[in-house]
Amino acid sequence: MPIYEYLCDECDTRFEKIVINKHQEIACPKCASKKAAIQLSVFATTGNGNGASAKSSTSNSGGGGSCCGGGCGCH
């Protein structure tokens, strides 16, 4: 089930909602308005676990790259 981020058109509150089906009504948790715009979600980026970005982990010699720097065994 996807989690969507919304911005209320009435009070500018940002909130998240798990959407079970696409016809589900959403309401702002602060003002109960049903007028909200879906936002572009920002989600976790790839990295090597030490706070470095994926770009810097792949630029290191022998860094392993991939989604987690290669240390978790997912590749």
PDB file of N, CA and C in Angstrom:
ATOM      1  N   MET A   1       0.840  -1.176   0.000  1.00  0.00           N
ATOM      2  CA  MET A   1       0.000   0.000   0.000  1.00  0.00           C
ATOM      3  C   MET A   1       0.888   1.243   0.000  1.00  0.00           C
ATOM      4  N   PRO A   2       0.678   2.113  -0.931  1.00  0.00           N
ATOM      5  CA  PRO A   2       1.512   3.310  -0.997  1.00  0.00           C
ATOM      6  C   PRO A   2       1.124   4.348   0.056  1.00  0.00           C
ATOM      7  N   ILE A   3       2.117   5.105   0.486  1.00  0.00           N
ATOM      8  CA  ILE A   3       1.894   6.241   1.363  1.00  0.00           C
ATOM      9  C   ILE A   3       2.032   7.483   0.510  1.00  0.00           C
ATOM     10  N   TYR A   4       1.007   8.312   0.507  1.00  0.00           N
ATOM     11  CA  TYR A   4       1.026   9.547  -0.259  1.00  0.00           C
ATOM     12  C   TYR A   4       1.166  10.732   0.677  1.00  0.00           C
ATOM     13  N   GLU A   5       1.824  11.775   0.207  1.00  0.00           N
ATOM     14  CA  GLU A   5       1.954  13.017   0.946  1.00  0.00           C
ATOM     15  C   GLU A   5       1.005  14.037   0.335  1.00  0.00           C
ATOM     16  N   TYR A   6       0.343  14.802   1.191  1.00  0.00           N
ATOM     17  CA  TYR A   6      -0.629  15.792   0.749  1.00  0.00           C
ATOM     18  C   TYR A   6      -0.322  17.142   1.367  1.00  0.00           C
ATOM     19  N   LEU A   7      -0.815  18.192   0.722  1.00  0.00           N
ATOM     20  CA  LEU A   7      -0.771  19.551   1.246  1.00  0.00           C
ATOM     21  C   LEU A   7      -2.205  20.061   1.229  1.00  0.00           C
ATOM     22  N   CYS A   8      -2.722  20.407   2.413  1.00  0.00           N
ATOM     23  CA  CYS A   8      -4.097  20.882   2.525  1.00  0.00           C
ATOM     24  C   CYS A   8      -4.232  22.239   1.849  1.00  0.00           C
ATOM     25  N   ASP A   9      -5.250  22.373   1.007  1.00  0.00           N
ATOM     26  CA  ASP A   9      -5.508  23.641   0.313  1.00  0.00           C
ATOM     27  C   ASP A   9      -6.059  24.705   1.250  1.00  0.00           C
ATOM     28  N   GLU A  10      -6.648  24.297   2.355  1.00  0.00           N
ATOM     29  CA  GLU A  10      -7.278  25.238   3.285  1.00  0.00           C
ATOM     30  C   GLU A  10      -6.300  25.799   4.316  1.00  0.00           C
ATOM     31  N   CYS A  11      -5.502  24.935   4.970  1.00  0.00           N
ATOM     32  CA  CYS A  11      -4.653  25.401   6.081  1.00  0.00           C
ATOM     33  C   CYS A  11      -3.158  25.171   5.859  1.00  0.00           C
ATOM     34  N   ASP A  12      -2.777  24.698   4.680  1.00  0.00           N
ATOM     35  CA  ASP A  12      -1.370  24.455   4.317  1.00  0.00           C
ATOM     36  C   ASP A  12      -0.658  23.416   5.189  1.00  0.00           C
ATOM     37  N   THR A  13      -1.402  22.527   5.819  1.00  0.00           N
ATOM     38  CA  THR A  13      -0.811  21.453   6.604  1.00  0.00           C
ATOM     39  C   THR A  13      -0.344  20.348   5.670  1.00  0.00           C
ATOM     40  N   ARG A  14       0.862  19.854   5.907  1.00  0.00           N
ATOM     41  CA  ARG A  14       1.368  18.699   5.163  1.00  0.00           C
ATOM     42  C   ARG A  14       1.082  17.451   5.988  1.00  0.00           C
ATOM     43  N   PHE A  15       0.594  16.408   5.318  1.00  0.00           N
ATOM     44  CA  PHE A  15       0.307  15.163   6.014  1.00  0.00           C
ATOM     45  C   PHE A  15       0.462  13.991   5.069  1.00  0.00           C
ATOM     46  N   GLU A  16       0.601  12.800   5.654  1.00  0.00           N
ATOM     47  CA  GLU A  16       0.751  11.563   4.892  1.00  0.00           C
ATOM     48  C   GLU A  16      -0.473  10.696   5.114  1.00  0.00           C
ATOM     49  N   LYS A  17      -0.767   9.878   4.130  1.00  0.00           N
ATOM     50  CA  LYS A  17      -1.922   8.989   4.227  1.00  0.00           C
ATOM     51  C   LYS A  17      -1.607   7.689   3.499  1.00  0.00           C
ATOM     52  N   ILE A  18      -1.867   6.564   4.148  1.00  0.00           N
ATOM     53  CA  ILE A  18      -1.773   5.272   3.477  1.00  0.00           C
ATOM     54  C   ILE A  18      -3.044   5.120   2.648  1.00  0.00           C
ATOM     55  N   VAL A  19      -2.878   4.863   1.370  1.00  0.00           N
ATOM     56  CA  VAL A  19      -4.024   4.784   0.469  1.00  0.00           C
ATOM     57  C   VAL A  19      -4.280   3.320   0.105  1.00  0.00           C
ATOM     58  N   ILE A  20      -5.426   2.828   0.540  1.00  0.00           N
ATOM     59  CA  ILE A  20      -5.787   1.436   0.292  1.00  0.00           C
ATOM     60  C   ILE A  20      -6.356   1.276  -1.112  1.00  0.00           C
ATOM     61  N   ASN A  21      -7.196   2.212  -1.531  1.00  0.00           N
ATOM     62  CA  ASN A  21      -7.670   2.199  -2.917  1.00  0.00           C
ATOM     63  C   ASN A  21      -7.719   3.633  -3.421  1.00  0.00           C
ATOM     64  N   LYS A  22      -7.662   3.803  -4.717  1.00  0.00           N
ATOM     65  CA  LYS A  22      -7.523   5.143  -5.289  1.00  0.00           C
ATOM     66  C   LYS A  22      -8.773   5.999  -5.159  1.00  0.00           C
ATOM     67  N   HIS A  23      -9.887   5.418  -4.748  1.00  0.00           N
ATOM     68  CA  HIS A  23     -11.122   6.183  -4.576  1.00  0.00           C
ATOM     69  C   HIS A  23     -11.354   6.587  -3.120  1.00  0.00           C
ATOM     70  N   GLN A  24     -10.394   6.269  -2.256  1.00  0.00           N
ATOM     71  CA  GLN A  24     -10.502   6.598  -0.840  1.00  0.00           C
ATOM     72  C   GLN A  24     -10.465   8.114  -0.633  1.00  0.00           C
ATOM     73  N   GLU A  25     -11.383   8.627   0.177  1.00  0.00           N
ATOM     74  CA  GLU A  25     -11.379  10.055   0.478  1.00  0.00           C
ATOM     75  C   GLU A  25     -10.305  10.355   1.505  1.00  0.00           C
ATOM     76  N   ILE A  26      -9.674  11.502   1.358  1.00  0.00           N
ATOM     77  CA  ILE A  26      -8.681  11.936   2.327  1.00  0.00           C
ATOM     78  C   ILE A  26      -9.194  13.207   2.981  1.00  0.00           C
ATOM     79  N   ALA A  27      -8.766  13.443   4.200  1.00  0.00           N
ATOM     80  CA  ALA A  27      -9.151  14.653   4.914  1.00  0.00           C
ATOM     81  C   ALA A  27      -7.952  15.131   5.725  1.00  0.00           C
ATOM     82  N   CYS A  28      -7.798  16.426   5.800  1.00  0.00           N
ATOM     83  CA  CYS A  28      -6.715  17.028   6.557  1.00  0.00           C
ATOM     84  C   CYS A  28      -6.899  16.712   8.048  1.00  0.00           C
ATOM     85  N   PRO A  29      -5.854  16.253   8.716  1.00  0.00           N
ATOM     86  CA  PRO A  29      -5.981  15.935  10.137  1.00  0.00           C
ATOM     87  C   PRO A  29      -6.134  17.178  11.026  1.00  0.00           C
ATOM     88  N   LYS A  30      -5.782  18.343  10.502  1.00  0.00           N
ATOM     89  CA  LYS A  30      -5.867  19.569  11.300  1.00  0.00           C
ATOM     90  C   LYS A  30      -7.225  20.252  11.157  1.00  0.00           C
ATOM     91  N   CYS A  31      -7.698  20.431   9.912  1.00  0.00           N
ATOM     92  CA  CYS A  31      -8.932  21.203   9.704  1.00  0.00           C
ATOM     93  C   CYS A  31     -10.072  20.373   9.112  1.00  0.00           C
ATOM     94  N   ALA A  32      -9.815  19.114   8.782  1.00  0.00           N
ATOM     95  CA  ALA A  32     -10.796  18.182   8.227  1.00  0.00           C
ATOM     96  C   ALA A  32     -11.236  18.515   6.797  1.00  0.00           C
ATOM     97  N   SER A  33     -10.553  19.441   6.147  1.00  0.00           N
ATOM     98  CA  SER A  33     -10.876  19.771   4.767  1.00  0.00           C
ATOM     99  C   SER A  33     -10.574  18.578   3.869  1.00  0.00           C
ATOM    100  N   LYS A  34     -11.378  18.404   2.864  1.00  0.00           N
ATOM    101  CA  LYS A  34     -11.157  17.332   1.895  1.00  0.00           C
ATOM    102  C   LYS A  34     -10.492  17.855   0.639  1.00  0.00           C
ATOM    103  N   LYS A  35     -10.024  19.101   0.695  1.00  0.00           N
ATOM    104  CA  LYS A  35      -9.322  19.714  -0.428  1.00  0.00           C
ATOM    105  C   LYS A  35      -7.824  19.675  -0.147  1.00  0.00           C
ATOM    106  N   ALA A  36      -7.143  18.764  -0.810  1.00  0.00           N
ATOM    107  CA  ALA A  36      -5.703  18.623  -0.612  1.00  0.00           C
ATOM    108  C   ALA A  36      -5.057  18.229  -1.929  1.00  0.00           C
ATOM    109  N   ALA A  37      -3.860  18.701  -2.127  1.00  0.00           N
ATOM    110  CA  ALA A  37      -3.102  18.380  -3.335  1.00  0.00           C
ATOM    111  C   ALA A  37      -2.036  17.351  -2.998  1.00  0.00           C
ATOM    112  N   ILE A  38      -1.926  16.341  -3.833  1.00  0.00           N
ATOM    113  CA  ILE A  38      -0.892  15.335  -3.634  1.00  0.00           C
ATOM    114  C   ILE A  38       0.461  15.961  -3.956  1.00  0.00           C
ATOM    115  N   GLN A  39       1.461  15.619  -3.156  1.00  0.00           N
ATOM    116  CA  GLN A  39       2.789  16.187  -3.303  1.00  0.00           C
ATOM    117  C   GLN A  39       3.761  15.149  -3.838  1.00  0.00           C
ATOM    118  N   LEU A  40       4.811  15.618  -4.438  1.00  0.00           N
ATOM    119  CA  LEU A  40       5.883  14.743  -4.875  1.00  0.00           C
ATOM    120  C   LEU A  40       6.639  14.297  -3.637  1.00  0.00           C
ATOM    121  N   SER A  41       6.688  13.011  -3.388  1.00  0.00           N
ATOM    122  CA  SER A  41       7.336  12.489  -2.192  1.00  0.00           C
ATOM    123  C   SER A  41       8.843  12.491  -2.337  1.00  0.00           C
ATOM    124  N   VAL A  42       9.499  12.785  -1.239  1.00  0.00           N
ATOM    125  CA  VAL A  42      10.943  12.666  -1.149  1.00  0.00           C
ATOM    126  C   VAL A  42      11.195  11.439  -0.300  1.00  0.00           C
ATOM    127  N   PHE A  43      11.924  10.494  -0.837  1.00  0.00           N
ATOM    128  CA  PHE A  43      12.143   9.254  -0.120  1.00  0.00           C
ATOM    129  C   PHE A  43      13.632   9.033   0.072  1.00  0.00           C
ATOM    130  N   ALA A  44      13.969   8.046   0.842  1.00  0.00           N
ATOM    131  CA  ALA A  44      15.363   7.754   1.156  1.00  0.00           C
ATOM    132  C   ALA A  44      16.168   7.523  -0.115  1.00  0.00           C
ATOM    133  N   THR A  45      17.342   8.097  -0.136  1.00  0.00           N
ATOM    134  CA  THR A  45      18.219   7.901  -1.280  1.00  0.00           C
ATOM    135  C   THR A  45      19.220   6.802  -0.975  1.00  0.00           C
ATOM    136  N   THR A  46      19.920   6.386  -1.988  1.00  0.00           N
ATOM    137  CA  THR A  46      20.909   5.338  -1.784  1.00  0.00           C
ATOM    138  C   THR A  46      22.142   5.901  -1.113  1.00  0.00           C
ATOM    139  N   GLY A  47      22.841   5.061  -0.413  1.00  0.00           N
ATOM    140  CA  GLY A  47      24.055   5.474   0.272  1.00  0.00           C
ATOM    141  C   GLY A  47      24.791   4.263   0.798  1.00  0.00           C
ATOM    142  N   ASN A  48      25.893   4.503   1.469  1.00  0.00           N
ATOM    143  CA  ASN A  48      26.682   3.386   1.973  1.00  0.00           C
ATOM    144  C   ASN A  48      26.567   3.221   3.480  1.00  0.00           C
ATOM    145  N   GLY A  49      25.643   3.922   4.119  1.00  0.00           N
ATOM    146  CA  GLY A  49      25.408   3.727   5.534  1.00  0.00           C
ATOM    147  C   GLY A  49      26.191   4.647   6.444  1.00  0.00           C
ATOM    148  N   ASN A  50      27.104   5.449   5.901  1.00  0.00           N
ATOM    149  CA  ASN A  50      27.870   6.335   6.770  1.00  0.00           C
ATOM    150  C   ASN A  50      27.555   7.801   6.510  1.00  0.00           C
ATOM    151  N   GLY A  51      26.438   8.072   5.877  1.00  0.00           N
ATOM    152  CA  GLY A  51      26.035   9.441   5.611  1.00  0.00           C
ATOM    153  C   GLY A  51      26.517   9.976   4.282  1.00  0.00           C
ATOM    154  N   ALA A  52      27.344   9.246   3.583  1.00  0.00           N
ATOM    155  CA  ALA A  52      27.832   9.674   2.270  1.00  0.00           C
ATOM    156  C   ALA A  52      26.776   9.373   1.233  1.00  0.00           C
ATOM    157  N   SER A  53      26.711  10.180   0.206  1.00  0.00           N
ATOM    158  CA  SER A  53      25.734   9.949  -0.849  1.00  0.00           C
ATOM    159  C   SER A  53      26.156   8.783  -1.729  1.00  0.00           C
ATOM    160  N   ALA A  54      25.214   8.301  -2.514  1.00  0.00           N
ATOM    161  CA  ALA A  54      25.505   7.195  -3.431  1.00  0.00           C
ATOM    162  C   ALA A  54      26.575   7.599  -4.432  1.00  0.00           C
ATOM    163  N   LYS A  55      26.558   8.859  -4.837  1.00  0.00           N
ATOM    164  CA  LYS A  55      27.549   9.320  -5.801  1.00  0.00           C
ATOM    165  C   LYS A  55      28.954   9.191  -5.233  1.00  0.00           C
ATOM    166  N   SER A  56      29.131   9.583  -3.969  1.00  0.00           N
ATOM    167  CA  SER A  56      30.455   9.494  -3.391  1.00  0.00           C
ATOM    168  C   SER A  56      30.854   8.057  -3.108  1.00  0.00           C
ATOM    169  N   SER A  57      29.867   7.173  -2.794  1.00  0.00           N
ATOM    170  CA  SER A  57      30.222   5.783  -2.523  1.00  0.00           C
ATOM    171  C   SER A  57      30.620   5.056  -3.797  1.00  0.00           C
ATOM    172  N   THR A  58      30.072   5.448  -4.929  1.00  0.00           N
ATOM    173  CA  THR A  58      30.427   4.773  -6.167  1.00  0.00           C
ATOM    174  C   THR A  58      31.693   5.358  -6.761  1.00  0.00           C
ATOM    175  N   SER A  59      32.091   6.562  -6.319  1.00  0.00           N
ATOM    176  CA  SER A  59      33.297   7.151  -6.857  1.00  0.00           C
ATOM    177  C   SER A  59      34.542   6.659  -6.134  1.00  0.00           C
ATOM    178  N   ASN A  60      34.355   6.005  -4.979  1.00  0.00           N
ATOM    179  CA  ASN A  60      35.499   5.438  -4.271  1.00  0.00           C
ATOM    180  C   ASN A  60      35.995   4.215  -5.016  1.00  0.00           C
ATOM    181  N   SER A  61      37.287   3.996  -5.001  1.00  0.00           N
ATOM    182  CA  SER A  61      37.807   2.817  -5.692  1.00  0.00           C
ATOM    183  C   SER A  61      37.393   1.566  -4.941  1.00  0.00           C
ATOM    184  N   GLY A  62      36.786   0.618  -5.657  1.00  0.00           N
ATOM    185  CA  GLY A  62      36.345  -0.633  -5.055  1.00  0.00           C
ATOM    186  C   GLY A  62      35.180  -0.466  -4.105  1.00  0.00           C
ATOM    187  N   GLY A  63      34.390   0.585  -4.252  1.00  0.00           N
ATOM    188  CA  GLY A  63      33.317   0.884  -3.320  1.00  0.00           C
ATOM    189  C   GLY A  63      32.136  -0.057  -3.378  1.00  0.00           C
ATOM    190  N   GLY A  64      32.010  -0.870  -4.389  1.00  0.00           N
ATOM    191  CA  GLY A  64      30.898  -1.800  -4.459  1.00  0.00           C
ATOM    192  C   GLY A  64      29.637  -1.198  -5.033  1.00  0.00           C
ATOM    193  N   GLY A  65      29.395   0.084  -4.782  1.00  0.00           N
ATOM    194  CA  GLY A  65      28.245   0.776  -5.349  1.00  0.00           C
ATOM    195  C   GLY A  65      26.928   0.194  -4.914  1.00  0.00           C
ATOM    196  N   SER A  66      25.985   0.147  -5.765  1.00  0.00           N
ATOM    197  CA  SER A  66      24.625  -0.355  -5.594  1.00  0.00           C
ATOM    198  C   SER A  66      23.860   0.414  -4.540  1.00  0.00           C
ATOM    199  N   CYS A  67      22.737  -0.118  -4.120  1.00  0.00           N
ATOM    200  CA  CYS A  67      21.816   0.627  -3.268  1.00  0.00           C
ATOM    201  C   CYS A  67      22.352   0.899  -1.874  1.00  0.00           C
ATOM    202  N   CYS A  68      23.232   0.074  -1.375  1.00  0.00           N
ATOM    203  CA  CYS A  68      23.654   0.232   0.022  1.00  0.00           C
ATOM    204  C   CYS A  68      25.171   0.197   0.171  1.00  0.00           C
ATOM    205  N   GLY A  69      25.884   0.323  -0.895  1.00  0.00           N
ATOM    206  CA  GLY A  69      27.334   0.256  -0.829  1.00  0.00           C
ATOM    207  C   GLY A  69      27.859  -1.163  -0.960  1.00  0.00           C
ATOM    208  N   GLY A  70      26.969  -2.125  -1.112  1.00  0.00           N
ATOM    209  CA  GLY A  70      27.393  -3.510  -1.328  1.00  0.00           C
ATOM    210  C   GLY A  70      27.622  -4.313  -0.071  1.00  0.00           C
ATOM    211  N   GLY A  71      27.415  -3.734   1.116  1.00  0.00           N
ATOM    212  CA  GLY A  71      27.713  -4.437   2.348  1.00  0.00           C
ATOM    213  C   GLY A  71      26.584  -5.310   2.895  1.00  0.00           C
ATOM    214  N   CYS A  72      25.376  -5.219   2.380  1.00  0.00           N
ATOM    215  CA  CYS A  72      24.256  -5.946   2.970  1.00  0.00           C
ATOM    216  C   CYS A  72      24.009  -7.297   2.296  1.00  0.00           C
ATOM    217  N   GLY A  73      24.645  -7.567   1.207  1.00  0.00           N
ATOM    218  CA  GLY A  73      24.449  -8.826   0.533  1.00  0.00           C
ATOM    219  C   GLY A  73      23.249  -8.858  -0.395  1.00  0.00           C
ATOM    220  N   CYS A  74      22.652  -7.688  -0.667  1.00  0.00           N
ATOM    221  CA  CYS A  74      21.486  -7.670  -1.527  1.00  0.00           C
ATOM    222  C   CYS A  74      21.855  -7.796  -3.001  1.00  0.00           C
ATOM    223  N   HIS A  75      23.100  -7.782  -3.333  1.00  0.00           N
ATOM    224  CA  HIS A  75      23.508  -7.884  -4.733  1.00  0.00           C
ATOM    225  C   HIS A  75      24.507  -8.977  -4.923  1.00  0.00           C
TER     226      HIS A  75
END
